[in-house]
N, C-alpha and C. Protein backbone atom coordinates (compact mmCIF):
# COMPACT_ATOMS: atom_id res chain seq x y z
N MET A 1 106.35 -138.16 -71.35
CA MET A 1 105.71 -136.86 -71.76
C MET A 1 104.59 -136.96 -70.57
N LYS A 2 104.55 -135.46 -70.21
CA LYS A 2 103.34 -135.30 -69.17
C LYS A 2 101.98 -134.75 -69.73
N SER A 3 101.22 -135.12 -69.65
CA SER A 3 99.86 -134.23 -70.02
C SER A 3 99.24 -133.34 -68.93
N GLY A 4 98.67 -132.36 -69.29
CA GLY A 4 97.71 -131.37 -68.44
C GLY A 4 96.11 -131.81 -67.96
N GLY A 5 95.82 -132.88 -68.92
CA GLY A 5 94.36 -133.13 -68.33
C GLY A 5 93.55 -133.95 -67.75
N PHE A 6 92.86 -134.18 -67.26
CA PHE A 6 92.21 -135.17 -66.15
C PHE A 6 92.17 -136.57 -66.60
N THR A 7 92.05 -137.76 -65.79
CA THR A 7 91.74 -139.25 -65.87
C THR A 7 90.34 -139.15 -65.86
N LEU A 8 89.92 -140.23 -66.15
CA LEU A 8 88.68 -140.71 -65.98
C LEU A 8 88.43 -141.32 -65.26
N ILE A 9 89.21 -141.62 -64.38
CA ILE A 9 88.82 -142.15 -62.73
C ILE A 9 88.82 -140.42 -61.71
N GLU A 10 89.43 -139.13 -62.23
CA GLU A 10 89.64 -138.25 -61.29
C GLU A 10 87.97 -137.74 -61.70
N THR A 11 87.83 -137.85 -63.22
CA THR A 11 85.99 -137.21 -63.37
C THR A 11 84.96 -137.52 -62.72
N MET A 12 85.35 -138.94 -62.96
CA MET A 12 84.23 -139.79 -62.16
C MET A 12 84.12 -139.31 -61.12
N VAL A 13 85.55 -139.34 -59.83
CA VAL A 13 85.37 -139.05 -58.42
C VAL A 13 84.26 -137.67 -58.38
N VAL A 14 84.67 -136.52 -59.23
CA VAL A 14 84.46 -135.69 -59.00
C VAL A 14 82.40 -135.72 -59.58
N ILE A 15 82.38 -136.21 -60.27
CA ILE A 15 81.12 -136.39 -60.75
C ILE A 15 79.78 -136.98 -59.57
N VAL A 16 80.49 -137.99 -58.82
CA VAL A 16 80.26 -139.22 -57.98
C VAL A 16 80.20 -137.96 -56.65
N LEU A 17 80.94 -136.99 -56.61
CA LEU A 17 81.33 -136.30 -55.29
C LEU A 17 79.89 -134.89 -55.50
N LEU A 18 79.97 -134.56 -56.80
CA LEU A 18 79.06 -133.21 -56.81
C LEU A 18 77.17 -134.19 -56.82
N ALA A 19 77.45 -135.30 -56.92
CA ALA A 19 76.09 -135.74 -57.09
C ALA A 19 75.58 -136.35 -55.78
N ILE A 20 76.38 -136.60 -54.91
CA ILE A 20 76.45 -136.56 -53.49
C ILE A 20 76.00 -135.38 -53.03
N CYS A 21 76.30 -133.88 -53.43
CA CYS A 21 76.54 -132.83 -52.77
C CYS A 21 74.99 -132.60 -53.05
N ALA A 22 74.36 -132.98 -54.28
CA ALA A 22 73.49 -132.58 -54.67
C ALA A 22 72.22 -133.43 -54.16
N THR A 23 72.03 -134.76 -53.74
CA THR A 23 71.17 -135.38 -52.96
C THR A 23 70.81 -134.78 -51.57
N VAL A 24 72.30 -134.77 -51.05
CA VAL A 24 72.01 -134.03 -49.45
C VAL A 24 71.37 -132.59 -49.60
N SER A 25 72.25 -131.54 -50.52
CA SER A 25 70.82 -130.57 -50.57
C SER A 25 69.95 -130.15 -51.09
N THR A 26 69.16 -131.14 -51.53
CA THR A 26 67.85 -131.03 -52.24
C THR A 26 66.47 -130.94 -51.38
N PRO A 27 66.94 -131.83 -49.96
CA PRO A 27 65.23 -131.56 -48.94
C PRO A 27 65.56 -130.25 -48.58
N VAL A 28 66.69 -129.80 -48.57
CA VAL A 28 67.32 -127.95 -47.53
C VAL A 28 66.48 -127.64 -48.46
N PHE A 29 66.63 -127.33 -49.27
CA PHE A 29 65.61 -126.40 -50.92
C PHE A 29 64.80 -126.37 -50.91
N THR A 30 64.13 -127.86 -50.65
CA THR A 30 62.68 -127.92 -50.99
C THR A 30 61.95 -127.37 -49.43
N ALA A 31 62.38 -127.68 -48.24
CA ALA A 31 62.21 -126.99 -47.06
C ALA A 31 61.93 -125.49 -47.10
N TRP A 32 63.04 -124.63 -47.34
CA TRP A 32 63.30 -123.72 -47.70
C TRP A 32 62.15 -122.90 -48.87
N ARG A 33 61.90 -123.85 -49.62
CA ARG A 33 60.69 -123.58 -50.87
C ARG A 33 59.43 -123.10 -50.02
N VAL A 34 59.20 -124.00 -49.55
CA VAL A 34 58.17 -124.42 -48.40
C VAL A 34 57.75 -123.19 -47.46
N ARG A 35 59.00 -123.12 -46.60
CA ARG A 35 58.81 -122.08 -45.63
C ARG A 35 58.72 -120.56 -46.30
N ASP A 36 59.49 -120.42 -47.99
CA ASP A 36 58.76 -119.53 -48.33
C ASP A 36 57.67 -118.82 -48.71
N GLN A 37 57.34 -119.89 -49.43
CA GLN A 37 55.64 -120.17 -49.83
C GLN A 37 54.65 -119.48 -48.73
N VAL A 38 55.12 -119.64 -47.26
CA VAL A 38 54.14 -119.94 -46.59
C VAL A 38 54.64 -118.86 -45.67
N ASP A 39 55.44 -117.95 -45.65
CA ASP A 39 55.87 -116.40 -45.15
C ASP A 39 55.34 -115.52 -46.17
N ALA A 40 55.14 -115.72 -47.48
CA ALA A 40 54.85 -114.92 -48.59
C ALA A 40 53.25 -114.99 -48.21
N ARG A 41 52.37 -115.80 -47.91
CA ARG A 41 51.75 -116.21 -47.61
C ARG A 41 50.74 -115.04 -46.42
N ALA A 42 51.79 -115.47 -45.34
CA ALA A 42 51.19 -114.55 -44.46
C ALA A 42 51.52 -113.05 -44.29
N ASN A 43 52.22 -112.81 -44.95
CA ASN A 43 52.62 -111.52 -45.63
C ASN A 43 51.59 -110.98 -45.78
N ALA A 44 51.05 -111.58 -46.97
CA ALA A 44 50.29 -111.03 -47.82
C ALA A 44 48.81 -110.84 -47.16
N MET A 45 48.83 -111.88 -46.24
CA MET A 45 47.01 -111.90 -44.99
C MET A 45 47.57 -110.57 -44.18
N LEU A 46 48.79 -110.43 -43.75
CA LEU A 46 49.09 -109.34 -42.65
C LEU A 46 48.58 -108.30 -43.65
N GLY A 47 49.03 -107.88 -44.92
CA GLY A 47 48.92 -106.75 -45.66
C GLY A 47 47.37 -106.44 -45.84
N THR A 48 46.60 -107.59 -46.13
CA THR A 48 45.30 -107.25 -46.17
C THR A 48 44.61 -107.13 -45.11
N LEU A 49 45.05 -107.32 -44.01
CA LEU A 49 44.17 -106.86 -42.63
C LEU A 49 44.72 -105.80 -42.37
N ALA A 50 45.66 -104.82 -42.87
CA ALA A 50 46.29 -103.36 -42.21
C ALA A 50 45.24 -102.87 -43.51
N TYR A 51 45.27 -102.93 -44.63
CA TYR A 51 44.38 -102.46 -45.44
C TYR A 51 43.04 -102.43 -45.09
N ALA A 52 42.65 -103.60 -44.80
CA ALA A 52 40.74 -103.54 -43.97
C ALA A 52 40.45 -102.27 -42.98
N ARG A 53 41.95 -102.91 -42.16
CA ARG A 53 41.94 -101.96 -40.79
C ARG A 53 41.81 -100.09 -41.26
N ASN A 54 42.71 -99.92 -42.20
CA ASN A 54 42.99 -98.35 -42.59
C ASN A 54 41.68 -98.02 -43.56
N GLU A 55 40.80 -98.68 -44.54
CA GLU A 55 39.77 -98.46 -44.85
C GLU A 55 38.81 -98.47 -44.43
N ALA A 56 38.39 -98.97 -42.58
CA ALA A 56 37.75 -98.70 -42.09
C ALA A 56 37.69 -97.42 -41.15
N ILE A 57 38.93 -97.71 -40.84
CA ILE A 57 39.40 -95.72 -40.33
C ILE A 57 38.88 -94.83 -41.28
N ARG A 58 39.27 -94.93 -42.35
CA ARG A 58 38.90 -93.68 -43.81
C ARG A 58 37.18 -93.67 -43.98
N ARG A 59 37.35 -94.82 -44.13
CA ARG A 59 35.75 -95.04 -44.43
C ARG A 59 34.73 -94.30 -43.42
N LYS A 60 34.85 -94.79 -42.31
CA LYS A 60 34.33 -95.03 -40.86
C LYS A 60 32.87 -95.82 -41.14
N ALA A 61 33.56 -97.16 -41.91
CA ALA A 61 32.44 -97.77 -42.36
C ALA A 61 32.78 -99.66 -41.36
N ARG A 62 31.85 -100.27 -41.43
CA ARG A 62 32.52 -101.53 -41.49
C ARG A 62 33.03 -102.39 -42.42
N VAL A 63 34.19 -103.04 -42.08
CA VAL A 63 34.97 -103.76 -43.01
C VAL A 63 35.03 -105.21 -42.58
N THR A 64 34.70 -106.00 -43.99
CA THR A 64 35.34 -107.27 -43.46
C THR A 64 36.04 -108.31 -44.55
N VAL A 65 36.84 -109.19 -44.03
CA VAL A 65 37.88 -109.68 -44.48
C VAL A 65 37.37 -110.77 -44.64
N CYS A 66 36.98 -111.87 -45.76
CA CYS A 66 36.11 -113.07 -45.45
C CYS A 66 37.06 -114.01 -47.10
N ARG A 67 36.58 -115.09 -46.69
CA ARG A 67 36.92 -116.16 -47.92
C ARG A 67 36.48 -115.93 -48.67
N VAL A 68 36.87 -115.78 -50.24
CA VAL A 68 35.92 -115.76 -51.17
C VAL A 68 35.91 -116.86 -52.16
N ASP A 69 34.72 -117.77 -52.78
CA ASP A 69 35.27 -118.54 -54.19
C ASP A 69 35.51 -117.78 -55.37
N ALA A 70 35.49 -118.41 -56.42
CA ALA A 70 35.98 -118.28 -57.56
C ALA A 70 34.94 -116.56 -58.14
N ALA A 71 33.71 -117.04 -57.70
CA ALA A 71 33.22 -115.36 -58.25
C ALA A 71 32.86 -114.37 -57.64
N ARG A 72 34.06 -114.63 -56.05
CA ARG A 72 34.41 -113.11 -55.11
C ARG A 72 33.47 -113.02 -54.29
N HIS A 73 33.01 -114.36 -54.16
CA HIS A 73 31.42 -113.92 -52.83
C HIS A 73 32.25 -114.90 -52.19
N CYS A 74 31.52 -114.26 -50.78
CA CYS A 74 32.39 -114.41 -49.72
C CYS A 74 31.58 -115.84 -49.45
N LEU A 75 32.39 -116.83 -48.40
CA LEU A 75 32.29 -118.38 -48.65
C LEU A 75 31.45 -118.13 -46.55
N GLU A 76 30.83 -119.13 -46.85
CA GLU A 76 30.36 -119.39 -44.49
C GLU A 76 31.52 -120.24 -44.21
N ALA A 77 31.84 -120.30 -42.82
CA ALA A 77 32.47 -120.41 -41.92
C ALA A 77 33.18 -122.27 -42.10
N ALA A 78 31.90 -122.97 -42.28
CA ALA A 78 32.21 -123.97 -42.66
C ALA A 78 32.67 -124.92 -43.84
N LYS A 79 32.57 -123.87 -45.11
CA LYS A 79 32.48 -124.24 -46.57
C LYS A 79 33.16 -124.40 -46.66
N ALA A 80 33.63 -125.19 -47.61
CA ALA A 80 34.92 -125.51 -48.74
C ALA A 80 35.10 -124.80 -50.07
N CYS A 81 36.48 -124.54 -50.28
CA CYS A 81 36.55 -123.95 -51.68
C CYS A 81 36.27 -125.03 -52.74
N LEU A 82 36.89 -124.56 -53.95
CA LEU A 82 36.69 -125.45 -55.30
C LEU A 82 37.84 -126.81 -54.76
N SER A 83 38.46 -126.56 -53.87
CA SER A 83 39.54 -127.43 -53.75
C SER A 83 39.22 -128.37 -52.80
N GLY A 84 37.99 -128.41 -51.67
CA GLY A 84 37.67 -128.79 -50.85
C GLY A 84 38.07 -129.14 -49.79
N ILE A 85 39.26 -127.64 -49.57
CA ILE A 85 39.76 -127.62 -48.35
C ILE A 85 39.04 -126.29 -47.43
N ALA A 86 38.60 -126.10 -46.14
CA ALA A 86 38.01 -125.27 -45.93
C ALA A 86 38.92 -124.35 -45.06
N ASP A 87 39.74 -123.67 -45.83
CA ASP A 87 40.94 -122.72 -45.55
C ASP A 87 40.78 -121.57 -46.05
N TRP A 88 41.88 -120.94 -45.50
CA TRP A 88 41.77 -119.49 -46.76
C TRP A 88 42.93 -119.88 -47.70
N SER A 89 42.98 -120.83 -48.47
CA SER A 89 43.89 -120.75 -49.41
C SER A 89 43.10 -120.48 -50.55
N CYS A 90 41.73 -120.49 -50.84
CA CYS A 90 40.63 -120.27 -52.10
C CYS A 90 41.09 -118.75 -51.88
N GLY A 91 41.57 -117.70 -51.22
CA GLY A 91 41.73 -116.45 -51.31
C GLY A 91 40.67 -115.68 -50.32
N TRP A 92 40.82 -114.64 -50.51
CA TRP A 92 40.39 -113.50 -49.53
C TRP A 92 40.25 -112.36 -50.19
N ALA A 93 38.75 -111.64 -49.63
CA ALA A 93 38.64 -110.30 -50.10
C ALA A 93 38.25 -109.44 -49.31
N VAL A 94 38.54 -108.08 -49.50
CA VAL A 94 38.06 -106.59 -47.96
C VAL A 94 36.74 -106.57 -48.82
N MET A 95 36.04 -106.22 -48.22
CA MET A 95 33.95 -105.86 -48.35
C MET A 95 34.14 -105.07 -47.45
N ILE A 96 33.24 -103.98 -47.68
CA ILE A 96 32.82 -102.67 -47.30
C ILE A 96 31.14 -102.70 -46.72
N GLU A 97 30.26 -102.54 -45.85
CA GLU A 97 29.44 -102.69 -45.61
C GLU A 97 28.65 -101.17 -46.01
N ARG A 98 27.95 -101.29 -47.09
CA ARG A 98 27.43 -99.74 -47.16
C ARG A 98 25.80 -100.23 -46.57
N ALA A 99 25.22 -98.18 -46.14
CA ALA A 99 24.40 -98.54 -45.25
C ALA A 99 22.82 -99.30 -46.54
N GLY A 100 21.96 -99.85 -45.78
CA GLY A 100 21.04 -100.28 -46.43
C GLY A 100 21.27 -101.90 -46.88
């Protein structure tokens, strides 16, 4: 009498193969996720620069893109964010210079 099920050995082989595939593919997905985050941040910065340019043309005024702290104040060039890193990861804002 022949049954249509799987044996324990066959099931274990499939589980081991799936585990190997998952182990091999995990670094690829991690690297893809990091690249995707970098691309998203770069596109956000590009959009901000385009917006600042358009506002400068529209308002005929000086427009500045600067790094900001939690209170939305521009940070000096070497001043670190709350995270302790002196890069643009803390955020940025478009500031329009007003007369006076």
